């Protein structure tokens, strides 16, 4: 079994309807994470926020899977690294619970910058030292 062909295919795989999956996942994710952030800012009961956390995790996993399906090389791109940074910040919250709101705002900042930076930066691969996706 050639693991390189599975995780780093050349050319990258194309998931049918990937754009629709990404837009749908992002829409659900933005709504759920907005409720979570607002809930923490305004001190909502943890039990009320738990379902929103699960929705945010599931929608984030969908977007993550869509990107990884094409190639795990995405993790070496600036956009993929931004997602890894967001996950690291989120994993810090249980250990820094009193700082959860500033951490969540940092996650939002990384997400906004990572998602909206020009493609020539977002798709730049530190592994290949070049832009991996054609940009407009």
Protein backbone atom coordinates (compact mmCIF):
# COMPACT_ATOMS: atom_id res chain seq x y z
CA UNK A 1 0.00 0.00 0.00
CA UNK A 2 1.43 3.33 -1.08
CA UNK A 3 0.60 5.78 1.73
CA UNK A 4 2.09 8.65 -0.21
CA UNK A 5 -0.47 8.14 -2.99
CA UNK A 6 -3.26 8.03 -0.40
CA UNK A 7 -2.30 11.13 1.61
CA UNK A 8 -0.33 13.16 -0.95
CA UNK A 9 -1.85 12.30 -4.34
CA UNK A 10 -0.48 13.92 -7.48
CA UNK A 11 -2.50 15.52 -8.91
CA UNK A 12 -4.70 16.41 -5.99
CA UNK A 13 -8.08 14.68 -5.81
CA UNK A 14 -11.26 16.62 -6.51
CA UNK A 15 -14.22 15.95 -4.27
CA UNK A 16 -17.51 16.17 -6.18
CA UNK A 17 -19.49 19.20 -5.00
CA UNK A 18 -16.60 20.29 -2.74
CA UNK A 19 -17.59 23.94 -3.06
CA UNK A 20 -21.15 23.22 -1.94
CA UNK A 21 -19.89 21.16 1.03
CA UNK A 22 -17.51 23.97 1.96
CA UNK A 23 -20.12 26.75 1.68
CA UNK A 24 -22.71 24.72 3.60
CA UNK A 25 -20.22 23.72 6.29
CA UNK A 26 -18.93 27.28 6.64
CA UNK A 27 -22.45 28.71 6.92
CA UNK A 28 -23.42 26.30 9.68
CA UNK A 29 -20.03 26.77 11.35
CA UNK A 30 -20.28 30.57 11.40
CA UNK A 31 -23.72 30.43 13.00
CA UNK A 32 -22.76 27.90 15.65
CA UNK A 33 -19.48 29.58 16.55
CA UNK A 34 -21.21 32.94 16.74
CA UNK A 35 -23.68 31.53 19.27
CA UNK A 36 -20.81 29.97 21.23
CA UNK A 37 -18.75 33.16 21.37
CA UNK A 38 -21.75 35.26 22.31
CA UNK A 39 -22.77 32.71 24.91
CA UNK A 40 -19.36 32.87 26.56
CA UNK A 41 -19.24 36.66 26.37
CA UNK A 42 -22.66 36.97 28.04
CA UNK A 43 -22.21 34.10 30.51
CA UNK A 44 -24.79 31.68 29.11
CA UNK A 45 -25.24 28.37 30.90
CA UNK A 46 -22.78 25.74 29.74
CA UNK A 47 -25.58 23.20 29.16
CA UNK A 48 -27.26 25.62 26.75
CA UNK A 49 -24.01 26.04 24.78
CA UNK A 50 -23.13 22.35 24.54
CA UNK A 51 -25.33 21.53 21.50
CA UNK A 52 -23.84 24.53 19.68
CA UNK A 53 -20.36 23.27 20.48
CA UNK A 54 -21.21 19.92 18.88
CA UNK A 55 -22.61 21.63 15.78
CA UNK A 56 -19.47 23.80 15.54
CA UNK A 57 -17.25 20.73 15.89
CA UNK A 58 -19.19 18.74 13.30
CA UNK A 59 -19.29 21.56 10.75
CA UNK A 60 -15.59 22.28 11.32
CA UNK A 61 -14.84 18.60 10.80
CA UNK A 62 -16.73 18.65 7.49
CA UNK A 63 -14.68 21.60 6.23
CA UNK A 64 -11.46 20.00 7.48
CA UNK A 65 -12.31 16.71 5.74
CA UNK A 66 -13.14 18.44 2.45
CA UNK A 67 -9.69 20.07 2.43
CA UNK A 68 -7.84 16.92 3.50
CA UNK A 69 -9.63 14.82 0.87
CA UNK A 70 -7.79 16.64 -1.91
CA UNK A 71 -4.41 16.16 -0.20
CA UNK A 72 -2.89 16.28 3.25
CA UNK A 73 -0.47 18.75 1.68
CA UNK A 74 -3.10 21.36 2.56
CA UNK A 75 -1.79 21.21 6.15
CA UNK A 76 1.52 22.71 4.93
CA UNK A 77 -0.22 25.66 3.28
CA UNK A 78 -0.66 28.91 5.20
CA UNK A 79 -4.45 28.44 5.22
CA UNK A 80 -4.12 24.92 6.61
CA UNK A 81 -1.64 26.11 9.21
CA UNK A 82 -4.14 28.78 10.28
CA UNK A 83 -6.67 26.01 10.94
CA UNK A 84 -4.08 24.09 12.97
CA UNK A 85 -3.39 27.27 14.98
CA UNK A 86 -7.13 27.70 15.62
CA UNK A 87 -7.38 24.11 16.85
CA UNK A 88 -4.37 24.60 19.13
CA UNK A 89 -5.94 27.73 20.62
CA UNK A 90 -9.24 25.91 21.16
CA UNK A 91 -7.42 23.02 22.85
CA UNK A 92 -5.88 25.54 25.27
CA UNK A 93 -9.27 26.70 26.55
CA UNK A 94 -9.87 23.88 29.06
CA UNK A 95 -6.49 24.73 30.61
CA UNK A 96 -7.09 28.49 30.56
CA UNK A 97 -10.83 28.63 31.16
CA UNK A 98 -10.80 32.14 32.63
CA UNK A 99 -9.17 33.38 29.40
CA UNK A 100 -11.63 31.60 27.10
CA UNK A 101 -13.24 34.79 25.73
CA UNK A 102 -9.96 36.43 24.62
CA UNK A 103 -8.83 33.08 23.23
CA UNK A 104 -12.08 32.74 21.29
CA UNK A 105 -11.64 36.25 19.90
CA UNK A 106 -8.12 35.25 18.83
CA UNK A 107 -9.60 32.21 17.08
CA UNK A 108 -12.08 34.46 15.25
CA UNK A 109 -9.23 36.76 14.21
CA UNK A 110 -7.13 33.85 12.88
CA UNK A 111 -10.20 32.50 11.07
CA UNK A 112 -11.07 35.82 9.48
CA UNK A 113 -7.52 36.55 8.38
CA UNK A 114 -6.85 32.98 7.25
CA UNK A 115 -10.05 32.75 5.22
CA UNK A 116 -9.83 36.15 3.56
CA UNK A 117 -6.14 36.67 2.88
CA UNK A 118 -5.22 36.70 -0.80
CA UNK A 119 -4.92 33.24 -2.33
CA UNK A 120 -1.26 33.76 -3.13
CA UNK A 121 -0.65 33.72 0.63
CA UNK A 122 -3.40 31.35 1.78
CA UNK A 123 -2.37 28.65 -0.69
CA UNK A 124 1.37 29.14 -0.28
CA UNK A 125 2.97 25.84 0.79
CA UNK A 126 5.84 25.92 3.25
CA UNK A 127 6.67 22.38 2.12
CA UNK A 128 6.85 23.13 -1.61
CA UNK A 129 7.85 26.82 -1.29
CA UNK A 130 5.26 27.85 -3.88
CA UNK A 131 1.56 28.63 -4.33
CA UNK A 132 -0.30 25.34 -4.64
CA UNK A 133 -3.60 26.58 -6.05
CA UNK A 134 -4.12 28.92 -8.95
CA UNK A 135 -5.23 32.30 -7.63
CA UNK A 136 -7.20 35.07 -9.30
